[in-house]
Structure formats: C-alpha cells, structure tokens
Protein backbone atom coordinates (compact mmCIF):
# COMPACT_ATOMS: atom_id res chain seq x y z
CA MET A 1 -21.51 17.65 -8.39
CA ALA A 2 -21.39 14.44 -6.35
CA ALA A 3 -22.03 12.36 -9.46
CA ALA A 4 -19.16 14.06 -11.28
CA LEU A 5 -16.79 13.43 -8.35
CA ASN A 6 -17.93 9.82 -8.16
CA GLN A 7 -17.25 9.35 -11.88
CA TRP A 8 -13.84 11.03 -11.53
CA ALA A 9 -12.93 8.68 -8.67
CA ARG A 10 -13.97 5.66 -10.76
CA THR A 11 -11.81 6.91 -13.63
CA ILE A 12 -8.81 7.34 -11.32
CA LYS A 13 -9.33 3.85 -9.90
CA ARG A 14 -9.58 2.37 -13.41
CA ASP A 15 -6.45 4.21 -14.55
CA VAL A 16 -4.45 3.03 -11.52
CA HIS A 17 -5.38 -0.56 -12.39
CA ALA A 18 -4.57 0.09 -16.05
CA LEU A 19 -1.15 1.47 -15.05
CA TYR A 20 -0.48 -1.67 -13.06
CA LEU A 21 -1.38 -3.78 -16.09
CA ALA A 22 0.67 -1.58 -18.44
CA ALA A 23 3.70 -1.88 -16.16
CA ARG A 24 3.65 -5.63 -16.82
CA ASP A 25 3.35 -5.23 -20.60
CA PRO A 26 6.57 -5.72 -22.63
CA ARG A 27 5.53 -2.96 -25.05
CA THR A 28 5.80 -0.37 -22.29
CA PRO A 29 9.17 1.43 -22.03
CA TRP A 30 11.20 0.63 -18.92
CA TYR A 31 11.05 4.19 -17.54
CA ALA A 32 7.26 4.22 -17.88
CA LYS A 33 7.12 0.84 -16.13
CA ALA A 34 9.18 2.15 -13.23
CA LEU A 35 7.04 5.26 -12.79
CA ALA A 36 3.81 3.27 -13.28
CA VAL A 37 4.75 0.89 -10.48
CA CYS A 38 5.56 3.86 -8.22
CA VAL A 39 2.28 5.66 -8.98
CA ALA A 40 0.13 2.53 -8.67
CA GLY A 41 1.94 1.52 -5.49
CA TYR A 42 1.47 4.97 -3.95
CA ALA A 43 -2.19 5.07 -4.94
CA LEU A 44 -2.88 1.65 -3.43
CA SER A 45 -0.61 1.99 -0.41
CA PRO A 46 -2.08 2.86 2.97
CA ILE A 47 1.05 4.95 3.66
CA ASP A 48 0.89 8.56 2.42
CA LEU A 49 3.29 11.50 2.39
CA ILE A 50 0.78 13.42 4.50
CA PRO A 51 -1.27 11.19 6.86
CA ASP A 52 -5.00 11.16 6.10
CA PHE A 53 -6.00 12.05 9.67
CA ILE A 54 -4.65 15.61 9.20
CA PRO A 55 -7.68 17.72 8.25
CA VAL A 56 -7.81 18.85 4.60
CA LEU A 57 -4.08 18.33 3.96
CA GLY A 58 -4.37 14.59 4.55
CA TYR A 59 -6.34 13.98 1.39
CA LEU A 60 -4.71 16.75 -0.61
CA ASP A 61 -1.78 14.56 -1.64
CA ASP A 62 -4.18 11.88 -2.88
CA VAL A 63 -6.21 14.42 -4.82
CA ILE A 64 -3.17 16.09 -6.44
CA LEU A 65 -0.24 13.64 -6.57
CA VAL A 66 -2.06 10.55 -7.82
CA PRO A 67 -3.80 12.24 -10.79
CA LEU A 68 -0.58 14.07 -11.75
CA GLY A 69 1.37 10.82 -11.55
CA ILE A 70 -1.23 9.04 -13.67
CA LEU A 71 -1.13 11.85 -16.22
CA ALA A 72 2.68 11.70 -16.43
CA VAL A 73 2.77 7.92 -16.89
CA VAL A 74 -0.07 7.87 -19.44
CA LYS A 75 1.92 10.31 -21.59
CA MET A 76 4.91 7.91 -21.51
CA ILE A 77 2.97 4.79 -22.49
CA PRO A 78 2.03 4.22 -26.16
CA PRO A 79 -1.67 5.17 -26.65
CA GLU A 80 -2.72 1.78 -28.06
CA VAL A 81 -1.18 -0.04 -25.08
CA MET A 82 -2.89 2.28 -22.60
CA ALA A 83 -6.25 1.94 -24.39
CA GLU A 84 -5.97 -1.85 -24.26
CA HIS A 85 -5.21 -1.86 -20.55
CA ARG A 86 -7.95 0.67 -19.76
CA GLU A 87 -10.45 -1.69 -21.38
CA ALA A 88 -9.07 -4.61 -19.37
CA ALA A 89 -9.26 -2.55 -16.16
CA ALA A 90 -12.86 -1.54 -16.92
CA LEU A 91 -13.81 -5.19 -17.47
CA ALA A 92 -12.10 -6.18 -14.23
CA ALA A 93 -14.08 -3.53 -12.33
CA ASP A 94 -17.32 -5.11 -13.54
CA ARG A 95 -16.42 -8.52 -12.11
CA PRO A 96 -17.90 -9.47 -8.74
CA VAL A 97 -15.79 -8.88 -5.64
CA SER A 98 -14.60 -11.91 -3.72
CA ARG A 99 -15.83 -11.55 -0.16
CA ILE A 100 -13.93 -14.68 0.88
CA ALA A 101 -10.63 -13.14 -0.24
CA ALA A 102 -11.44 -9.97 1.71
CA VAL A 103 -12.12 -12.02 4.85
CA ILE A 104 -8.88 -13.99 4.41
CA ILE A 105 -6.85 -10.79 3.99
CA ALA A 106 -8.53 -9.24 7.04
CA CYS A 107 -7.71 -12.37 9.06
CA ILE A 108 -4.07 -12.18 7.97
CA TRP A 109 -3.91 -8.52 9.08
CA VAL A 110 -5.53 -9.33 12.44
CA ALA A 111 -3.13 -12.25 12.98
CA SER A 112 -0.16 -10.02 12.06
CA VAL A 113 -1.21 -7.30 14.49
CA ALA A 114 -1.84 -9.88 17.22
CA LEU A 115 1.59 -11.43 16.62
CA ALA A 116 3.28 -8.02 16.71
CA ALA A 117 1.45 -7.15 19.94
CA TRP A 118 2.41 -10.46 21.53
CA LEU A 119 6.05 -10.08 20.49
CA GLY A 120 6.07 -6.49 21.76
CA TYR A 121 4.56 -7.58 25.06
CA ARG A 122 7.15 -10.34 25.49
CA TYR A 123 9.99 -8.00 24.58
CA PHE A 124 8.97 -5.07 26.78
CA ALA A 125 7.30 -6.92 29.66
CA GLY A 126 9.80 -9.73 29.98
C-alpha cells in the first residue's frame, strides 16, 4: 500500500513538472497553457484553499484538486506533446538535486522574514 502511494505521488510530481513544460510549448493550445499554469502553480504553491494544518481536510484539497486539475489539462494537451514532456520531466527527476541552490533559497526566505519582522517592529514600535 505504501509503495503504491509513493509511486502515485511520484507520478503526480512528474505530471506537474510535465504540465509546466507543456505550458511553455508552442504546440499547446492557449487555454490548456492557462489551465496548466494554474494547476502547476497551485500544486507547487505553499498557499492552499484549505490550510494544511487543519486535520484531514488540509490535505484533502491536495489529494483531490491537483489530480483532477492534472487530468483536465492532460486531456486538453495533444498526446504526443504530453508524452514528450513526461519523458523530459522523468529525466529531470533523475538529475541530482542542487543543495547549494536550496541553501541560497532558504537564506533568501530567512532574510525576507527578518526584513519583514524588522520593518514591522519599526512600524509598530516606533
């Protein structure tokens, strides 16, 4: 059961990346591009319709909305284009992860939060 869920999650992750790639392809219709950007953005965004800290319901939107969105967009994209981008997404998943990039992004987030806290302190305390 856990192996099947793990494989399903990998497939969803690959398809989200493939949708992002397909949205940039000129062979994809404009309406599919628009929906693909929305679905990929929602899947990758830390902001959800239902916050994840709410028990059970928090992850329900991720489990239902993202796969349904992927399914809808895949039906709009020509099959040969989607197959090409799924292969590209699978190859990209096999590449090593850049730890340096992750550290840089984390530093940017920490600096942004620190700046927001400092500005908030100056605004409210001063």
